[in-house]
């Protein structure tokens, strides 16, 4: 059962709010939802795989991740 107190915590980002996220090489590995997101209303954490063009997509929420050049 999730912790009922996490729903009232402040300062957490709403998960899956953005449709894409730009990430740098220094931020790898990347997982969705991102650190600092409230987890009580989100999907399970999944690591993002990037293709040869530097694009990755979350299989749960569809958020696109792009590696910065």
N, C-alpha and C. Protein backbone atom coordinates (compact mmCIF):
# COMPACT_ATOMS: atom_id res chain seq x y z
N UNK A 1 0.83 -1.17 0.00
CA UNK A 1 0.00 0.00 0.00
C UNK A 1 0.88 1.24 0.00
N UNK A 2 0.57 2.24 -0.86
CA UNK A 2 1.39 3.45 -0.90
C UNK A 2 1.28 4.23 0.41
N UNK A 3 2.30 4.99 0.69
CA UNK A 3 2.29 5.84 1.87
C UNK A 3 1.28 6.96 1.67
N UNK A 4 0.24 7.07 2.48
CA UNK A 4 -0.80 8.08 2.27
C UNK A 4 -0.30 9.50 2.51
N UNK A 5 0.83 9.65 3.18
CA UNK A 5 1.34 10.98 3.48
C UNK A 5 2.07 11.61 2.30
N UNK A 6 2.46 10.83 1.30
CA UNK A 6 3.17 11.41 0.16
C UNK A 6 2.27 12.27 -0.70
N UNK A 7 0.97 12.07 -0.64
CA UNK A 7 0.05 12.88 -1.44
C UNK A 7 -0.02 14.32 -0.94
N UNK A 8 0.38 14.55 0.30
CA UNK A 8 0.31 15.90 0.85
C UNK A 8 1.66 16.58 0.93
N UNK A 9 2.73 15.93 0.48
CA UNK A 9 4.04 16.56 0.49
C UNK A 9 4.08 17.71 -0.50
N UNK A 10 4.82 18.75 -0.18
CA UNK A 10 4.95 19.88 -1.08
C UNK A 10 6.34 19.88 -1.71
N UNK A 11 6.48 20.62 -2.80
CA UNK A 11 7.77 20.74 -3.46
C UNK A 11 8.09 19.63 -4.43
N UNK A 12 7.17 18.72 -4.67
CA UNK A 12 7.39 17.64 -5.62
C UNK A 12 6.81 18.02 -6.97
N UNK A 13 7.47 17.60 -8.04
CA UNK A 13 6.99 17.87 -9.39
C UNK A 13 5.85 16.92 -9.73
N UNK A 14 4.90 17.40 -10.49
CA UNK A 14 3.83 16.53 -10.96
C UNK A 14 4.39 15.61 -12.03
N UNK A 15 4.29 14.30 -11.87
CA UNK A 15 4.86 13.38 -12.86
C UNK A 15 4.14 13.47 -14.19
N UNK A 16 4.89 13.23 -15.24
CA UNK A 16 4.36 13.14 -16.60
C UNK A 16 3.70 14.45 -17.05
N UNK A 17 4.15 15.57 -16.49
CA UNK A 17 3.57 16.86 -16.84
C UNK A 17 4.06 17.33 -18.21
N UNK A 18 5.32 17.04 -18.54
CA UNK A 18 5.89 17.46 -19.81
C UNK A 18 5.74 16.34 -20.84
N UNK A 19 5.67 16.74 -22.13
CA UNK A 19 5.60 15.72 -23.18
C UNK A 19 6.98 15.34 -23.69
N UNK A 20 8.01 16.17 -23.35
CA UNK A 20 9.38 15.77 -23.66
C UNK A 20 10.33 16.41 -22.65
N UNK A 21 11.47 15.76 -22.50
CA UNK A 21 12.50 16.21 -21.57
C UNK A 21 13.85 16.11 -22.28
N UNK A 22 14.63 17.21 -22.24
CA UNK A 22 15.99 17.19 -22.78
C UNK A 22 16.95 16.84 -21.65
N UNK A 23 17.83 15.87 -21.89
CA UNK A 23 18.76 15.42 -20.87
C UNK A 23 20.18 15.45 -21.42
N UNK A 24 21.14 15.68 -20.53
CA UNK A 24 22.55 15.68 -20.91
C UNK A 24 23.20 14.34 -20.62
N UNK A 25 24.37 14.14 -21.21
CA UNK A 25 25.12 12.90 -21.00
C UNK A 25 25.43 12.69 -19.52
N UNK A 26 25.61 13.79 -18.79
CA UNK A 26 25.96 13.68 -17.38
C UNK A 26 24.77 13.26 -16.51
N UNK A 27 23.57 13.21 -17.09
CA UNK A 27 22.37 12.81 -16.35
C UNK A 27 21.99 11.34 -16.56
N UNK A 28 22.78 10.63 -17.38
CA UNK A 28 22.49 9.23 -17.67
C UNK A 28 22.88 8.34 -16.51
N UNK A 29 22.23 7.26 -16.22
CA UNK A 29 21.02 6.76 -16.89
C UNK A 29 19.79 7.56 -16.45
N UNK A 30 18.80 7.61 -17.32
CA UNK A 30 17.57 8.36 -17.10
C UNK A 30 16.43 7.38 -16.83
N UNK A 31 15.59 7.73 -15.88
CA UNK A 31 14.40 6.91 -15.65
C UNK A 31 13.18 7.81 -15.56
N UNK A 32 12.05 7.24 -15.87
CA UNK A 32 10.77 7.93 -15.81
C UNK A 32 9.93 7.24 -14.75
N UNK A 33 9.28 7.96 -13.87
CA UNK A 33 9.29 9.39 -13.70
C UNK A 33 10.64 9.88 -13.17
N UNK A 34 10.91 11.16 -13.39
CA UNK A 34 12.19 11.76 -13.01
C UNK A 34 12.29 11.93 -11.49
N UNK A 35 13.53 12.02 -10.99
CA UNK A 35 13.71 12.27 -9.56
C UNK A 35 13.01 13.57 -9.16
N UNK A 36 12.44 13.59 -7.98
CA UNK A 36 11.73 14.76 -7.51
C UNK A 36 10.26 14.77 -7.86
N UNK A 37 9.80 13.76 -8.58
CA UNK A 37 8.39 13.65 -8.93
C UNK A 37 7.63 12.97 -7.80
N UNK A 38 6.39 13.37 -7.62
CA UNK A 38 5.57 12.64 -6.65
C UNK A 38 5.25 11.28 -7.24
N UNK A 39 5.41 10.27 -6.46
CA UNK A 39 5.24 8.91 -6.98
C UNK A 39 3.89 8.30 -6.67
N UNK A 40 3.11 8.92 -5.82
CA UNK A 40 1.85 8.32 -5.42
C UNK A 40 0.84 8.27 -6.56
N UNK A 41 0.99 9.13 -7.58
CA UNK A 41 0.03 9.14 -8.69
C UNK A 41 0.73 8.90 -10.02
N UNK A 42 1.79 8.13 -10.01
CA UNK A 42 2.55 7.90 -11.23
C UNK A 42 2.68 6.41 -11.53
N UNK A 43 3.34 6.13 -12.63
CA UNK A 43 3.56 4.74 -13.04
C UNK A 43 4.85 4.20 -12.41
N UNK A 44 5.11 2.90 -12.52
CA UNK A 44 6.35 2.34 -11.98
C UNK A 44 7.56 2.96 -12.66
N UNK A 45 8.67 3.01 -11.95
CA UNK A 45 9.90 3.57 -12.50
C UNK A 45 10.44 2.65 -13.59
N UNK A 46 10.82 3.24 -14.71
CA UNK A 46 11.39 2.49 -15.83
C UNK A 46 12.56 3.28 -16.40
N UNK A 47 13.66 2.59 -16.71
CA UNK A 47 14.81 3.24 -17.32
C UNK A 47 14.56 3.42 -18.81
N UNK A 48 15.01 4.54 -19.34
CA UNK A 48 14.77 4.91 -20.74
C UNK A 48 15.94 4.48 -21.60
N UNK A 49 15.64 3.76 -22.68
CA UNK A 49 16.64 3.36 -23.66
C UNK A 49 16.61 4.37 -24.81
N UNK A 50 17.77 4.80 -25.27
CA UNK A 50 17.88 5.78 -26.35
C UNK A 50 18.28 5.10 -27.65
N UNK A 51 17.71 5.58 -28.76
CA UNK A 51 18.08 5.05 -30.06
C UNK A 51 19.33 5.77 -30.57
N UNK A 52 19.76 5.47 -31.78
CA UNK A 52 20.98 6.04 -32.35
C UNK A 52 20.87 7.55 -32.59
N UNK A 53 19.66 8.07 -32.64
CA UNK A 53 19.46 9.51 -32.82
C UNK A 53 19.36 10.26 -31.49
N UNK A 54 19.44 9.53 -30.38
CA UNK A 54 19.38 10.14 -29.07
C UNK A 54 17.98 10.38 -28.55
N UNK A 55 17.01 9.62 -29.08
CA UNK A 55 15.62 9.74 -28.64
C UNK A 55 15.21 8.48 -27.88
N UNK A 56 14.43 8.69 -26.82
CA UNK A 56 13.88 7.59 -26.05
C UNK A 56 12.46 7.93 -25.64
N UNK A 57 11.66 6.92 -25.35
CA UNK A 57 10.26 7.15 -25.01
C UNK A 57 9.86 6.23 -23.87
N UNK A 58 9.12 6.79 -22.92
CA UNK A 58 8.62 5.99 -21.80
C UNK A 58 7.48 5.11 -22.28
N UNK A 59 7.55 3.82 -22.03
CA UNK A 59 6.48 2.93 -22.48
C UNK A 59 5.18 3.10 -21.70
N UNK A 60 5.23 3.72 -20.53
CA UNK A 60 4.03 3.91 -19.73
C UNK A 60 3.27 5.18 -20.09
N UNK A 61 3.96 6.32 -20.04
CA UNK A 61 3.26 7.61 -20.21
C UNK A 61 3.51 8.25 -21.56
N UNK A 62 4.48 7.74 -22.33
CA UNK A 62 4.75 8.29 -23.65
C UNK A 62 5.63 9.51 -23.66
N UNK A 63 6.13 9.94 -22.50
CA UNK A 63 7.03 11.09 -22.45
C UNK A 63 8.27 10.80 -23.29
N UNK A 64 8.68 11.76 -24.12
CA UNK A 64 9.85 11.60 -24.97
C UNK A 64 11.07 12.22 -24.29
N UNK A 65 12.17 11.52 -24.37
CA UNK A 65 13.44 11.99 -23.81
C UNK A 65 14.41 12.18 -24.95
N UNK A 66 15.14 13.31 -24.93
CA UNK A 66 16.08 13.64 -26.00
C UNK A 66 17.43 13.97 -25.39
N UNK A 67 18.49 13.34 -25.92
CA UNK A 67 19.83 13.65 -25.47
C UNK A 67 20.26 14.98 -26.09
N UNK A 68 20.79 15.87 -25.27
CA UNK A 68 21.33 17.15 -25.75
C UNK A 68 22.62 16.88 -26.50
N UNK A 69 22.84 17.62 -27.56
CA UNK A 69 24.07 17.46 -28.35
C UNK A 69 25.26 18.08 -27.67
